[in-house]
Structure formats: structure tokens, C-alpha cells
PDB file of N, CA and C in Angstrom:
ATOM      1  N   MET A   1       5.917  -8.106   1.868  1.00  0.00           N
ATOM      2  CA  MET A   1       5.703  -7.161   2.958  1.00  0.00           C
ATOM      3  C   MET A   1       4.202  -7.038   3.183  1.00  0.00           C
ATOM      4  N   GLN A   2       3.803  -7.116   4.410  1.00  0.00           N
ATOM      5  CA  GLN A   2       2.383  -7.008   4.730  1.00  0.00           C
ATOM      6  C   GLN A   2       1.924  -5.560   4.603  1.00  0.00           C
ATOM      7  N   GLN A   3       0.624  -5.432   4.330  1.00  0.00           N
ATOM      8  CA  GLN A   3       0.063  -4.101   4.133  1.00  0.00           C
ATOM      9  C   GLN A   3       0.268  -3.217   5.357  1.00  0.00           C
ATOM     10  N   ALA A   4       0.254  -3.785   6.545  1.00  0.00           N
ATOM     11  CA  ALA A   4       0.474  -2.995   7.765  1.00  0.00           C
ATOM     12  C   ALA A   4       1.852  -2.339   7.749  1.00  0.00           C
ATOM     13  N   HIS A   5       2.839  -3.020   7.181  1.00  0.00           N
ATOM     14  CA  HIS A   5       4.181  -2.439   7.080  1.00  0.00           C
ATOM     15  C   HIS A   5       4.197  -1.268   6.095  1.00  0.00           C
ATOM     16  N   TYR A   6       3.525  -1.443   4.979  1.00  0.00           N
ATOM     17  CA  TYR A   6       3.409  -0.342   4.016  1.00  0.00           C
ATOM     18  C   TYR A   6       2.776   0.874   4.693  1.00  0.00           C
ATOM     19  N   ARG A   7       1.690   0.624   5.398  1.00  0.00           N
ATOM     20  CA  ARG A   7       0.978   1.717   6.074  1.00  0.00           C
ATOM     21  C   ARG A   7       1.899   2.430   7.060  1.00  0.00           C
ATOM     22  N   GLN A   8       2.642   1.673   7.853  1.00  0.00           N
ATOM     23  CA  GLN A   8       3.515   2.279   8.851  1.00  0.00           C
ATOM     24  C   GLN A   8       4.605   3.119   8.202  1.00  0.00           C
ATOM     25  N   ILE A   9       5.160   2.628   7.105  1.00  0.00           N
ATOM     26  CA  ILE A   9       6.177   3.405   6.384  1.00  0.00           C
ATOM     27  C   ILE A   9       5.585   4.721   5.896  1.00  0.00           C
ATOM     28  N   LEU A  10       4.400   4.653   5.309  1.00  0.00           N
ATOM     29  CA  LEU A  10       3.759   5.870   4.808  1.00  0.00           C
ATOM     30  C   LEU A  10       3.433   6.842   5.933  1.00  0.00           C
ATOM     31  N   VAL A  11       2.901   6.331   7.020  1.00  0.00           N
ATOM     32  CA  VAL A  11       2.570   7.183   8.162  1.00  0.00           C
ATOM     33  C   VAL A  11       3.830   7.858   8.701  1.00  0.00           C
ATOM     34  N   ASP A  12       4.927   7.110   8.796  1.00  0.00           N
ATOM     35  CA  ASP A  12       6.188   7.677   9.282  1.00  0.00           C
ATOM     36  C   ASP A  12       6.689   8.778   8.354  1.00  0.00           C
ATOM     37  N   VAL A  13       6.649   8.543   7.052  1.00  0.00           N
ATOM     38  CA  VAL A  13       7.111   9.561   6.096  1.00  0.00           C
ATOM     39  C   VAL A  13       6.218  10.790   6.177  1.00  0.00           C
ATOM     40  N   MET A  14       4.914  10.580   6.250  1.00  0.00           N
ATOM     41  CA  MET A  14       3.980  11.710   6.327  1.00  0.00           C
ATOM     42  C   MET A  14       4.212  12.527   7.596  1.00  0.00           C
ATOM     43  N   ARG A  15       4.515  11.855   8.681  1.00  0.00           N
ATOM     44  CA  ARG A  15       4.771  12.544   9.948  1.00  0.00           C
ATOM     45  C   ARG A  15       6.109  13.288   9.909  1.00  0.00           C
ATOM     46  N   ASP A  16       7.159  12.613   9.432  1.00  0.00           N
ATOM     47  CA  ASP A  16       8.507  13.171   9.488  1.00  0.00           C
ATOM     48  C   ASP A  16       8.830  14.144   8.358  1.00  0.00           C
ATOM     49  N   SER A  17       8.068  14.075   7.282  1.00  0.00           N
ATOM     50  CA  SER A  17       8.316  14.944   6.135  1.00  0.00           C
ATOM     51  C   SER A  17       6.985  15.345   5.505  1.00  0.00           C
ATOM     52  N   PRO A  18       6.238  16.203   6.186  1.00  0.00           N
ATOM     53  CA  PRO A  18       4.875  16.514   5.762  1.00  0.00           C
ATOM     54  C   PRO A  18       4.753  17.192   4.396  1.00  0.00           C
ATOM     55  N   VAL A  19       5.832  17.743   3.850  1.00  0.00           N
ATOM     56  CA  VAL A  19       5.746  18.389   2.545  1.00  0.00           C
ATOM     57  C   VAL A  19       6.107  17.439   1.394  1.00  0.00           C
ATOM     58  N   THR A  20       6.493  16.222   1.721  1.00  0.00           N
ATOM     59  CA  THR A  20       6.857  15.246   0.696  1.00  0.00           C
ATOM     60  C   THR A  20       5.625  14.755  -0.046  1.00  0.00           C
ATOM     61  N   HIS A  21       5.710  14.741  -1.363  1.00  0.00           N
ATOM     62  CA  HIS A  21       4.641  14.187  -2.191  1.00  0.00           C
ATOM     63  C   HIS A  21       4.864  12.683  -2.275  1.00  0.00           C
ATOM     64  N   ILE A  22       3.875  11.920  -1.865  1.00  0.00           N
ATOM     65  CA  ILE A  22       4.007  10.466  -1.812  1.00  0.00           C
ATOM     66  C   ILE A  22       3.204   9.838  -2.942  1.00  0.00           C
ATOM     67  N   TYR A  23       3.852   8.910  -3.629  1.00  0.00           N
ATOM     68  CA  TYR A  23       3.220   8.153  -4.710  1.00  0.00           C
ATOM     69  C   TYR A  23       3.386   6.683  -4.392  1.00  0.00           C
ATOM     70  N   VAL A  24       2.292   5.960  -4.299  1.00  0.00           N
ATOM     71  CA  VAL A  24       2.324   4.517  -4.094  1.00  0.00           C
ATOM     72  C   VAL A  24       2.055   3.872  -5.444  1.00  0.00           C
ATOM     73  N   GLN A  25       2.990   3.038  -5.874  1.00  0.00           N
ATOM     74  CA  GLN A  25       2.842   2.376  -7.157  1.00  0.00           C
ATOM     75  C   GLN A  25       2.407   0.933  -6.943  1.00  0.00           C
ATOM     76  N   SER A  26       1.554   0.462  -7.807  1.00  0.00           N
ATOM     77  CA  SER A  26       1.110  -0.926  -7.714  1.00  0.00           C
ATOM     78  C   SER A  26       2.280  -1.862  -7.967  1.00  0.00           C
ATOM     79  N   VAL A  27       2.120  -3.084  -7.521  1.00  0.00           N
ATOM     80  CA  VAL A  27       3.082  -4.144  -7.795  1.00  0.00           C
ATOM     81  C   VAL A  27       2.822  -4.624  -9.225  1.00  0.00           C
ATOM     82  N   LEU A  28       3.877  -4.932  -9.931  1.00  0.00           N
ATOM     83  CA  LEU A  28       3.745  -5.374 -11.318  1.00  0.00           C
ATOM     84  C   LEU A  28       3.370  -6.855 -11.393  1.00  0.00           C
ATOM     85  N   PRO A  29       2.712  -7.242 -12.472  1.00  0.00           N
ATOM     86  CA  PRO A  29       2.433  -8.665 -12.662  1.00  0.00           C
ATOM     87  C   PRO A  29       3.723  -9.423 -12.944  1.00  0.00           C
ATOM     88  N   VAL A  30       3.643 -10.734 -12.859  1.00  0.00           N
ATOM     89  CA  VAL A  30       4.736 -11.603 -13.284  1.00  0.00           C
ATOM     90  C   VAL A  30       4.251 -12.411 -14.478  1.00  0.00           C
ATOM     91  N   ASN A  31       5.185 -12.999 -15.185  1.00  0.00           N
ATOM     92  CA  ASN A  31       4.822 -13.858 -16.308  1.00  0.00           C
ATOM     93  C   ASN A  31       5.170 -15.288 -15.907  1.00  0.00           C
ATOM     94  N   THR A  32       4.161 -16.042 -15.500  1.00  0.00           N
ATOM     95  CA  THR A  32       4.372 -17.399 -14.996  1.00  0.00           C
ATOM     96  C   THR A  32       4.771 -18.365 -16.103  1.00  0.00           C
ATOM     97  N   LYS A  33       4.542 -17.996 -17.349  1.00  0.00           N
ATOM     98  CA  LYS A  33       4.954 -18.846 -18.473  1.00  0.00           C
ATOM     99  C   LYS A  33       6.457 -18.761 -18.694  1.00  0.00           C
ATOM    100  N   MET A  34       7.027 -17.604 -18.390  1.00  0.00           N
ATOM    101  CA  MET A  34       8.462 -17.410 -18.574  1.00  0.00           C
ATOM    102  C   MET A  34       9.248 -17.756 -17.315  1.00  0.00           C
ATOM    103  N   ALA A  35       8.678 -17.485 -16.160  1.00  0.00           N
ATOM    104  CA  ALA A  35       9.358 -17.715 -14.876  1.00  0.00           C
ATOM    105  C   ALA A  35       8.628 -18.821 -14.134  1.00  0.00           C
ATOM    106  N   SER A  36       9.109 -20.030 -14.282  1.00  0.00           N
ATOM    107  CA  SER A  36       8.405 -21.191 -13.728  1.00  0.00           C
ATOM    108  C   SER A  36       8.432 -21.252 -12.203  1.00  0.00           C
ATOM    109  N   ILE A  37       9.172 -20.342 -11.558  1.00  0.00           N
ATOM    110  CA  ILE A  37       9.188 -20.331 -10.090  1.00  0.00           C
ATOM    111  C   ILE A  37       7.878 -19.820  -9.508  1.00  0.00           C
ATOM    112  N   PHE A  38       7.051 -19.237 -10.342  1.00  0.00           N
ATOM    113  CA  PHE A  38       5.774 -18.699  -9.892  1.00  0.00           C
ATOM    114  C   PHE A  38       4.654 -19.675 -10.213  1.00  0.00           C
ATOM    115  N   SER A  39       3.648 -19.692  -9.362  1.00  0.00           N
ATOM    116  CA  SER A  39       2.491 -20.534  -9.617  1.00  0.00           C
ATOM    117  C   SER A  39       1.520 -19.799 -10.534  1.00  0.00           C
ATOM    118  N   SER A  40       0.587 -20.534 -11.068  1.00  0.00           N
ATOM    119  CA  SER A  40      -0.366 -19.935 -12.012  1.00  0.00           C
ATOM    120  C   SER A  40      -1.250 -18.880 -11.359  1.00  0.00           C
ATOM    121  N   ASN A  41      -1.366 -18.884 -10.036  1.00  0.00           N
ATOM    122  CA  ASN A  41      -2.204 -17.890  -9.362  1.00  0.00           C
ATOM    123  C   ASN A  41      -1.370 -16.770  -8.722  1.00  0.00           C
ATOM    124  N   SER A  42      -0.101 -16.652  -9.082  1.00  0.00           N
ATOM    125  CA  SER A  42       0.751 -15.608  -8.501  1.00  0.00           C
ATOM    126  C   SER A  42       0.202 -14.213  -8.747  1.00  0.00           C
ATOM    127  N   ASN A  43      -0.338 -13.976  -9.937  1.00  0.00           N
ATOM    128  CA  ASN A  43      -0.871 -12.647 -10.227  1.00  0.00           C
ATOM    129  C   ASN A  43      -2.160 -12.368  -9.462  1.00  0.00           C
ATOM    130  N   ASP A  44      -2.880 -13.402  -9.044  1.00  0.00           N
ATOM    131  CA  ASP A  44      -4.041 -13.187  -8.178  1.00  0.00           C
ATOM    132  C   ASP A  44      -3.593 -12.577  -6.851  1.00  0.00           C
ATOM    133  N   ALA A  45      -2.458 -13.050  -6.323  1.00  0.00           N
ATOM    134  CA  ALA A  45      -1.915 -12.490  -5.083  1.00  0.00           C
ATOM    135  C   ALA A  45      -1.460 -11.051  -5.294  1.00  0.00           C
ATOM    136  N   VAL A  46      -0.878 -10.772  -6.455  1.00  0.00           N
ATOM    137  CA  VAL A  46      -0.451  -9.406  -6.772  1.00  0.00           C
ATOM    138  C   VAL A  46      -1.664  -8.484  -6.848  1.00  0.00           C
ATOM    139  N   ILE A  47      -2.716  -8.940  -7.490  1.00  0.00           N
ATOM    140  CA  ILE A  47      -3.943  -8.132  -7.600  1.00  0.00           C
ATOM    141  C   ILE A  47      -4.517  -7.841  -6.215  1.00  0.00           C
ATOM    142  N   ALA A  48      -4.534  -8.840  -5.352  1.00  0.00           N
ATOM    143  CA  ALA A  48      -5.051  -8.642  -3.988  1.00  0.00           C
ATOM    144  C   ALA A  48      -4.211  -7.612  -3.239  1.00  0.00           C
ATOM    145  N   LEU A  49      -2.891  -7.718  -3.361  1.00  0.00           N
ATOM    146  CA  LEU A  49      -2.012  -6.740  -2.711  1.00  0.00           C
ATOM    147  C   LEU A  49      -2.248  -5.350  -3.284  1.00  0.00           C
ATOM    148  N   ASP A  50      -2.337  -5.247  -4.601  1.00  0.00           N
ATOM    149  CA  ASP A  50      -2.574  -3.946  -5.231  1.00  0.00           C
ATOM    150  C   ASP A  50      -3.899  -3.336  -4.794  1.00  0.00           C
ATOM    151  N   ASN A  51      -4.933  -4.154  -4.671  1.00  0.00           N
ATOM    152  CA  ASN A  51      -6.227  -3.638  -4.190  1.00  0.00           C
ATOM    153  C   ASN A  51      -6.095  -3.066  -2.788  1.00  0.00           C
ATOM    154  N   GLY A  52      -5.342  -3.750  -1.939  1.00  0.00           N
ATOM    155  CA  GLY A  52      -5.109  -3.245  -0.584  1.00  0.00           C
ATOM    156  C   GLY A  52      -4.308  -1.954  -0.586  1.00  0.00           C
ATOM    157  N   LEU A  53      -3.297  -1.879  -1.450  1.00  0.00           N
ATOM    158  CA  LEU A  53      -2.493  -0.653  -1.539  1.00  0.00           C
ATOM    159  C   LEU A  53      -3.326   0.517  -2.049  1.00  0.00           C
ATOM    160  N   LYS A  54      -4.190   0.246  -3.004  1.00  0.00           N
ATOM    161  CA  LYS A  54      -5.056   1.302  -3.530  1.00  0.00           C
ATOM    162  C   LYS A  54      -5.997   1.819  -2.442  1.00  0.00           C
ATOM    163  N   GLU A  55      -6.610   0.907  -1.705  1.00  0.00           N
ATOM    164  CA  GLU A  55      -7.517   1.299  -0.622  1.00  0.00           C
ATOM    165  C   GLU A  55      -6.768   2.091   0.449  1.00  0.00           C
ATOM    166  N   MET A  56      -5.602   1.600   0.845  1.00  0.00           N
ATOM    167  CA  MET A  56      -4.812   2.271   1.864  1.00  0.00           C
ATOM    168  C   MET A  56      -4.393   3.659   1.390  1.00  0.00           C
ATOM    169  N   SER A  57      -4.008   3.787   0.130  1.00  0.00           N
ATOM    170  CA  SER A  57      -3.613   5.087  -0.410  1.00  0.00           C
ATOM    171  C   SER A  57      -4.757   6.085  -0.316  1.00  0.00           C
ATOM    172  N   GLY A  58      -5.958   5.630  -0.650  1.00  0.00           N
ATOM    173  CA  GLY A  58      -7.125   6.488  -0.537  1.00  0.00           C
ATOM    174  C   GLY A  58      -7.385   6.923   0.898  1.00  0.00           C
ATOM    175  N   GLN A  59      -7.237   5.988   1.821  1.00  0.00           N
ATOM    176  CA  GLN A  59      -7.461   6.302   3.234  1.00  0.00           C
ATOM    177  C   GLN A  59      -6.457   7.328   3.749  1.00  0.00           C
ATOM    178  N   LEU A  60      -5.217   7.223   3.268  1.00  0.00           N
ATOM    179  CA  LEU A  60      -4.168   8.128   3.742  1.00  0.00           C
ATOM    180  C   LEU A  60      -4.055   9.400   2.910  1.00  0.00           C
ATOM    181  N   GLY A  61      -4.783   9.464   1.809  1.00  0.00           N
ATOM    182  CA  GLY A  61      -4.764  10.659   0.974  1.00  0.00           C
ATOM    183  C   GLY A  61      -3.492  10.814   0.162  1.00  0.00           C
ATOM    184  N   VAL A  62      -2.901   9.685  -0.257  1.00  0.00           N
ATOM    185  CA  VAL A  62      -1.714   9.748  -1.104  1.00  0.00           C
ATOM    186  C   VAL A  62      -2.077   9.236  -2.495  1.00  0.00           C
ATOM    187  N   VAL A  63      -1.260   9.573  -3.462  1.00  0.00           N
ATOM    188  CA  VAL A  63      -1.527   9.222  -4.857  1.00  0.00           C
ATOM    189  C   VAL A  63      -1.176   7.756  -5.093  1.00  0.00           C
ATOM    190  N   TYR A  64      -2.102   7.017  -5.680  1.00  0.00           N
ATOM    191  CA  TYR A  64      -1.887   5.622  -6.069  1.00  0.00           C
ATOM    192  C   TYR A  64      -1.742   5.570  -7.582  1.00  0.00           C
ATOM    193  N   ILE A  65      -0.690   4.920  -8.050  1.00  0.00           N
ATOM    194  CA  ILE A  65      -0.454   4.779  -9.484  1.00  0.00           C
ATOM    195  C   ILE A  65      -0.621   3.309  -9.859  1.00  0.00           C
ATOM    196  N   ASP A  66      -1.595   3.032 -10.696  1.00  0.00           N
ATOM    197  CA  ASP A  66      -1.853   1.665 -11.152  1.00  0.00           C
ATOM    198  C   ASP A  66      -0.955   1.347 -12.341  1.00  0.00           C
ATOM    199  N   LEU A  67       0.134   0.652 -12.079  1.00  0.00           N
ATOM    200  CA  LEU A  67       1.027   0.199 -13.142  1.00  0.00           C
ATOM    201  C   LEU A  67       0.572  -1.141 -13.701  1.00  0.00           C
ATOM    202  N   TYR A  68      -0.010  -1.953 -12.826  1.00  0.00           N
ATOM    203  CA  TYR A  68      -0.386  -3.325 -13.180  1.00  0.00           C
ATOM    204  C   TYR A  68      -1.179  -3.362 -14.482  1.00  0.00           C
ATOM    205  N   SER A  69      -2.187  -2.530 -14.586  1.00  0.00           N
ATOM    206  CA  SER A  69      -3.067  -2.548 -15.760  1.00  0.00           C
ATOM    207  C   SER A  69      -2.321  -2.283 -17.062  1.00  0.00           C
ATOM    208  N   SER A  70      -1.283  -1.481 -16.995  1.00  0.00           N
ATOM    209  CA  SER A  70      -0.521  -1.161 -18.194  1.00  0.00           C
ATOM    210  C   SER A  70       0.494  -2.240 -18.561  1.00  0.00           C
ATOM    211  N   PHE A  71       0.912  -3.021 -17.586  1.00  0.00           N
ATOM    212  CA  PHE A  71       1.946  -4.029 -17.801  1.00  0.00           C
ATOM    213  C   PHE A  71       1.398  -5.430 -18.043  1.00  0.00           C
ATOM    214  N   VAL A  72       0.107  -5.630 -17.834  1.00  0.00           N
ATOM    215  CA  VAL A  72      -0.463  -6.975 -17.932  1.00  0.00           C
ATOM    216  C   VAL A  72      -1.085  -7.202 -19.307  1.00  0.00           C
ATOM    217  N   LYS A  73      -0.917  -8.429 -19.798  1.00  0.00           N
ATOM    218  CA  LYS A  73      -1.571  -8.863 -21.024  1.00  0.00           C
ATOM    219  C   LYS A  73      -1.928 -10.332 -20.821  1.00  0.00           C
ATOM    220  N   ASP A  74      -3.210 -10.646 -20.932  1.00  0.00           N
ATOM    221  CA  ASP A  74      -3.690 -12.014 -20.712  1.00  0.00           C
ATOM    222  C   ASP A  74      -3.272 -12.539 -19.339  1.00  0.00           C
ATOM    223  N   ASN A  75      -3.410 -11.698 -18.313  1.00  0.00           N
ATOM    224  CA  ASN A  75      -3.099 -12.020 -16.916  1.00  0.00           C
ATOM    225  C   ASN A  75      -1.624 -12.382 -16.695  1.00  0.00           C
ATOM    226  N   GLN A  76      -0.741 -11.863 -17.557  1.00  0.00           N
ATOM    227  CA  GLN A  76       0.696 -12.102 -17.445  1.00  0.00           C
ATOM    228  C   GLN A  76       1.435 -10.792 -17.694  1.00  0.00           C
ATOM    229  N   LEU A  77       2.626 -10.667 -17.092  1.00  0.00           N
ATOM    230  CA  LEU A  77       3.491  -9.549 -17.452  1.00  0.00           C
ATOM    231  C   LEU A  77       3.768  -9.664 -18.946  1.00  0.00           C
ATOM    232  N   ASP A  78       3.487  -8.600 -19.672  1.00  0.00           N
ATOM    233  CA  ASP A  78       3.621  -8.604 -21.128  1.00  0.00           C
ATOM    234  C   ASP A  78       5.066  -8.940 -21.518  1.00  0.00           C
ATOM    235  N   GLU A  79       5.234  -9.986 -22.322  1.00  0.00           N
ATOM    236  CA  GLU A  79       6.561 -10.513 -22.652  1.00  0.00           C
ATOM    237  C   GLU A  79       7.552  -9.487 -23.209  1.00  0.00           C
ATOM    238  N   PRO A  80       7.149  -8.551 -24.066  1.00  0.00           N
ATOM    239  CA  PRO A  80       8.136  -7.590 -24.576  1.00  0.00           C
ATOM    240  C   PRO A  80       8.733  -6.679 -23.499  1.00  0.00           C
ATOM    241  N   LEU A  81       8.147  -6.665 -22.303  1.00  0.00           N
ATOM    242  CA  LEU A  81       8.601  -5.774 -21.232  1.00  0.00           C
ATOM    243  C   LEU A  81       9.584  -6.446 -20.269  1.00  0.00           C
ATOM    244  N   THR A  82       9.842  -7.743 -20.442  1.00  0.00           N
ATOM    245  CA  THR A  82      10.655  -8.490 -19.490  1.00  0.00           C
ATOM    246  C   THR A  82      11.604  -9.426 -20.219  1.00  0.00           C
ATOM    247  N   TYR A  83      12.685  -9.773 -19.546  1.00  0.00           N
ATOM    248  CA  TYR A  83      13.582 -10.758 -20.151  1.00  0.00           C
ATOM    249  C   TYR A  83      13.491 -12.116 -19.474  1.00  0.00           C
ATOM    250  N   ASP A  84      12.822 -12.173 -18.311  1.00  0.00           N
ATOM    251  CA  ASP A  84      12.729 -13.456 -17.603  1.00  0.00           C
ATOM    252  C   ASP A  84      11.373 -13.711 -16.943  1.00  0.00           C
ATOM    253  N   GLY A  85      10.412 -12.847 -17.152  1.00  0.00           N
ATOM    254  CA  GLY A  85       9.089 -13.022 -16.560  1.00  0.00           C
ATOM    255  C   GLY A  85       8.909 -12.308 -15.237  1.00  0.00           C
ATOM    256  N   LEU A  86       9.996 -11.799 -14.670  1.00  0.00           N
ATOM    257  CA  LEU A  86       9.935 -11.095 -13.394  1.00  0.00           C
ATOM    258  C   LEU A  86      10.565  -9.707 -13.502  1.00  0.00           C
ATOM    259  N   HIS A  87      11.761  -9.641 -14.014  1.00  0.00           N
ATOM    260  CA  HIS A  87      12.498  -8.381 -14.107  1.00  0.00           C
ATOM    261  C   HIS A  87      12.218  -7.698 -15.434  1.00  0.00           C
ATOM    262  N   LEU A  88      12.118  -6.393 -15.362  1.00  0.00           N
ATOM    263  CA  LEU A  88      11.884  -5.623 -16.582  1.00  0.00           C
ATOM    264  C   LEU A  88      13.169  -5.520 -17.395  1.00  0.00           C
ATOM    265  N   ASN A  89      13.010  -5.430 -18.691  1.00  0.00           N
ATOM    266  CA  ASN A  89      14.139  -5.135 -19.564  1.00  0.00           C
ATOM    267  C   ASN A  89      14.161  -3.619 -19.793  1.00  0.00           C
ATOM    268  N   GLY A  90      15.071  -3.156 -20.633  1.00  0.00           N
ATOM    269  CA  GLY A  90      15.181  -1.716 -20.887  1.00  0.00           C
ATOM    270  C   GLY A  90      13.886  -1.116 -21.396  1.00  0.00           C
ATOM    271  N   TYR A  91      13.240  -1.804 -22.309  1.00  0.00           N
ATOM    272  CA  TYR A  91      11.963  -1.328 -22.840  1.00  0.00           C
ATOM    273  C   TYR A  91      10.927  -1.221 -21.721  1.00  0.00           C
ATOM    274  N   GLY A  92      10.907  -2.215 -20.830  1.00  0.00           N
ATOM    275  CA  GLY A  92       9.965  -2.203 -19.712  1.00  0.00           C
ATOM    276  C   GLY A  92      10.186  -1.025 -18.777  1.00  0.00           C
ATOM    277  N   TYR A  93      11.458  -0.726 -18.493  1.00  0.00           N
ATOM    278  CA  TYR A  93      11.746   0.414 -17.622  1.00  0.00           C
ATOM    279  C   TYR A  93      11.389   1.737 -18.289  1.00  0.00           C
ATOM    280  N   ASN A  94      11.632   1.840 -19.575  1.00  0.00           N
ATOM    281  CA  ASN A  94      11.227   3.064 -20.282  1.00  0.00           C
ATOM    282  C   ASN A  94       9.714   3.224 -20.291  1.00  0.00           C
ATOM    283  N   PHE A  95       9.007   2.121 -20.439  1.00  0.00           N
ATOM    284  CA  PHE A  95       7.545   2.144 -20.397  1.00  0.00           C
ATOM    285  C   PHE A  95       7.070   2.610 -19.016  1.00  0.00           C
ATOM    286  N   TRP A  96       7.671   2.096 -17.951  1.00  0.00           N
ATOM    287  CA  TRP A  96       7.367   2.488 -16.578  1.00  0.00           C
ATOM    288  C   TRP A  96       7.603   3.998 -16.415  1.00  0.00           C
ATOM    289  N   LYS A  97       8.744   4.460 -16.904  1.00  0.00           N
ATOM    290  CA  LYS A  97       9.077   5.883 -16.807  1.00  0.00           C
ATOM    291  C   LYS A  97       8.018   6.740 -17.485  1.00  0.00           C
ATOM    292  N   GLN A  98       7.551   6.319 -18.644  1.00  0.00           N
ATOM    293  CA  GLN A  98       6.522   7.083 -19.357  1.00  0.00           C
ATOM    294  C   GLN A  98       5.249   7.199 -18.520  1.00  0.00           C
ATOM    295  N   ILE A  99       4.878   6.120 -17.845  1.00  0.00           N
ATOM    296  CA  ILE A  99       3.648   6.125 -17.048  1.00  0.00           C
ATOM    297  C   ILE A  99       3.765   7.060 -15.856  1.00  0.00           C
ATOM    298  N   ILE A 100       4.852   6.944 -15.099  1.00  0.00           N
ATOM    299  CA  ILE A 100       4.960   7.760 -13.880  1.00  0.00           C
ATOM    300  C   ILE A 100       5.370   9.196 -14.168  1.00  0.00           C
ATOM    301  N   ASN A 101       5.899   9.438 -15.338  1.00  0.00           N
ATOM    302  CA  ASN A 101       6.331  10.790 -15.704  1.00  0.00           C
ATOM    303  C   ASN A 101       5.202  11.802 -15.553  1.00  0.00           C
ATOM    304  N   ASP A 102       4.004  11.432 -15.936  1.00  0.00           N
ATOM    305  CA  ASP A 102       2.857  12.344 -15.840  1.00  0.00           C
ATOM    306  C   ASP A 102       2.546  12.717 -14.395  1.00  0.00           C
ATOM    307  N   TYR A 103       2.920  11.855 -13.464  1.00  0.00           N
ATOM    308  CA  TYR A 103       2.646  12.133 -12.052  1.00  0.00           C
ATOM    309  C   TYR A 103       3.722  12.975 -11.392  1.00  0.00           C
ATOM    310  N   VAL A 104       4.964  12.729 -11.731  1.00  0.00           N
ATOM    311  CA  VAL A 104       6.051  13.321 -10.948  1.00  0.00           C
ATOM    312  C   VAL A 104       6.718  14.530 -11.599  1.00  0.00           C
ATOM    313  N   VAL A 105       6.488  14.746 -12.882  1.00  0.00           N
ATOM    314  CA  VAL A 105       7.099  15.901 -13.544  1.00  0.00           C
ATOM    315  C   VAL A 105       6.049  17.007 -13.640  1.00  0.00           C
ATOM    316  N   ASN A 106       6.370  18.125 -13.079  1.00  0.00           N
ATOM    317  CA  ASN A 106       5.446  19.261 -13.097  1.00  0.00           C
ATOM    318  C   ASN A 106       5.899  20.308 -14.066  1.00  0.00           C
TER     319      ASN A 106
END
């Protein structure tokens, strides 16, 4: 999805539901060693997208949550968090929950 689409979705939600708390989460890395469908520079594209999402979040005044930094190890999705290099396993989802919990639970 292009960044312009993300922006339009956020603008629409902000307009239609002004009391909604919006959290934009970064895209997670992939593990190209485990999932051969990805090229070695796939995470470079993820980083570029995440940088754009972070900038856009700042411009729109919404909370940006950097998940990428917590899930990456040696420029790959950390193996204990995934079963195939792309999808999270149970441990990975629990780890994700721990990170966002500080933002969404008051």
C-alpha cells in the first residue's frame, strides 16, 4: 500500500471519528534466510516504508509505534519470533502485545 493510501485512511478516520486515538505501527522485518521468497534487500524496503509512516504520523499528530527495532536482529526478523520468516508465532505475538500494551492500556 502506498503511503498516500495510509495518509488518506488516517485523514478519513480523524475526520469521521475525531475522538479516536490512532496508533500507527511500523511494518515488521522479514527473515530472508527463512523465507526465500524475499530478496536480500526486502528489509531495506520495509525500513523506507517505516520511515515514511513515522514522518507522516508526526505530520498528522498521531502516535507512531516502532515495532521494527524490537523485532529485528542482524537485519532479519528474529528467528524465535517467527515460524516461517514472515508470520509471527505465538511467542512473537505475545512479544508484540507486550510492546503495544504500554501505549493502549491506560
